[in-house]
Structure formats: C-alpha cells, structure tokens
Protein backbone atom coordinates (compact mmCIF):
# COMPACT_ATOMS: atom_id res chain seq x y z
CA MET A 1 147.34 60.39 40.19
CA ASP A 2 150.34 61.39 38.25
CA VAL A 3 150.32 65.19 38.55
CA LEU A 4 152.52 68.05 37.46
CA ILE A 5 152.56 71.24 39.36
CA PRO A 6 154.73 74.36 38.81
CA ILE A 7 157.79 74.89 41.01
CA LYS A 8 156.61 78.35 41.69
CA GLY A 9 153.08 77.29 42.63
CA PRO A 10 151.70 75.82 45.70
CA SER A 11 153.78 73.58 47.84
CA ILE A 12 152.81 69.93 48.14
CA VAL A 13 151.57 70.76 51.68
CA ASP A 14 149.24 73.35 50.26
CA VAL A 15 147.93 70.87 47.66
CA ALA A 16 147.37 68.22 50.23
CA GLU A 17 145.64 70.61 52.70
CA ASN A 18 143.34 71.82 49.81
CA LEU A 19 142.53 68.25 48.61
CA SER A 20 141.80 67.17 52.22
CA ARG A 21 138.73 69.64 52.04
CA VAL A 22 137.20 68.12 48.98
CA ARG A 23 133.88 66.20 49.61
CA GLY A 24 134.36 62.53 50.24
CA VAL A 25 138.31 62.86 50.82
CA SER A 26 139.41 61.34 54.14
CA ALA A 27 143.14 61.10 53.46
CA VAL A 28 145.61 62.54 51.00
CA ASN A 29 149.26 61.34 50.42
CA ILE A 30 151.61 63.23 48.14
CA THR A 31 155.06 62.00 47.04
CA VAL A 32 157.39 63.88 44.82
CA LYS A 33 158.53 61.83 42.11
CA GLU A 34 160.68 64.20 39.90
CA VAL A 35 161.72 67.90 40.01
CA ASP A 36 162.86 70.03 37.04
CA VAL A 37 163.47 73.74 36.60
CA GLU A 38 159.76 74.56 36.26
CA THR A 39 157.73 71.63 37.39
CA GLN A 40 157.44 68.83 39.97
CA ASN A 41 155.96 65.52 38.97
CA ILE A 42 154.08 64.22 42.17
CA ILE A 43 152.11 61.15 42.88
CA VAL A 44 148.76 62.00 44.62
CA VAL A 45 146.65 59.44 46.43
CA VAL A 46 143.32 60.43 47.89
CA GLU A 47 141.16 58.02 49.94
CA GLY A 48 137.60 58.25 51.03
CA ASN A 49 133.97 57.45 50.11
CA ASP A 50 132.05 59.06 47.35
CA ILE A 51 135.05 61.47 46.32
CA ASP A 52 134.01 64.12 43.97
CA PHE A 53 136.91 63.50 41.22
CA GLY A 54 135.45 66.52 39.25
CA GLU A 55 136.14 68.73 42.36
CA VAL A 56 139.62 67.05 42.77
CA ARG A 57 140.51 67.74 39.10
CA VAL A 58 139.18 71.42 39.15
CA LEU A 59 141.15 72.09 42.46
CA ILE A 60 144.33 70.76 40.98
CA GLU A 61 143.83 72.81 37.73
CA GLU A 62 143.17 75.86 40.10
CA LEU A 63 146.39 75.42 41.75
CA GLY A 64 148.11 75.49 38.48
CA GLY A 65 148.60 71.69 38.07
CA VAL A 66 147.62 69.28 35.55
CA ILE A 67 146.65 65.45 35.94
CA HIS A 68 148.68 63.37 33.64
CA SER A 69 147.13 60.17 34.56
CA VAL A 70 144.88 58.31 37.01
CA ASP A 71 146.81 55.04 37.71
CA GLN A 72 144.40 53.14 39.94
CA VAL A 73 140.83 53.50 41.15
CA VAL A 74 139.00 51.30 43.51
CA ALA A 75 135.14 51.22 43.65
CA GLY A 76 132.31 49.12 45.06
CA GLU A 77 131.47 47.62 48.46
CA LYS A 78 134.67 45.60 48.93
CA LEU A 79 138.27 46.37 48.26
CA VAL A 80 139.83 44.40 45.30
CA GLU A 81 143.53 43.49 45.80
CA VAL A 82 145.65 43.80 42.78
CA PRO A 83 148.22 40.89 42.62
CA ARG A 84 151.81 42.29 43.29
CA GLU A 85 153.15 40.62 39.90
CA ILE A 86 150.71 42.85 37.93
CA ILE A 87 151.83 45.97 39.88
CA GLU A 88 155.47 45.19 39.24
CA MET A 89 155.14 44.55 35.45
C-alpha cells in the first residue's frame, strides 16, 4: 500500500507494531519513500492469511494516515508470480 502519514504522527515502528496485531497479519514491512515538511509517504507491505483489510484501513486512519493506493493483492490457494517486465513498466 502507498500510505501518507503525518510527520508529527506515529513512527513507522509504531505503525508496524500496530499493523502486526491485526487479525491475519503475520508480517509487516514499511519503507519510507518520501518525506516532506508535513508528511511521510511510506510503502506498507502486510502478509498473512485472511487479513482483515477493513481493520488495516481503520487502523491506518486512526494513526492519522491515509491509504493512497493498494498496488498489489495476492489471493487464492497458490501464489501467482507477476512477470518482472510487467512490474518494471
């Protein structure tokens, strides 16, 4: 997910710790993409089975953030690999 959080809001460590407690989440990875005077643009990756996306969204909003986009979703009984040339477009 591409997420904006306020600079004066929670740290990415706090965001990750909170997201790791969401039902179904087994791993969280957060990378800072951009920082400006008021916000941080972060890339949030959550992994797990039967993740409650509504709870993820509400939690991010409660922490003062907003989801700009959901850039990839994988669902089903097997993992579908996206060809590298599509990702690099």
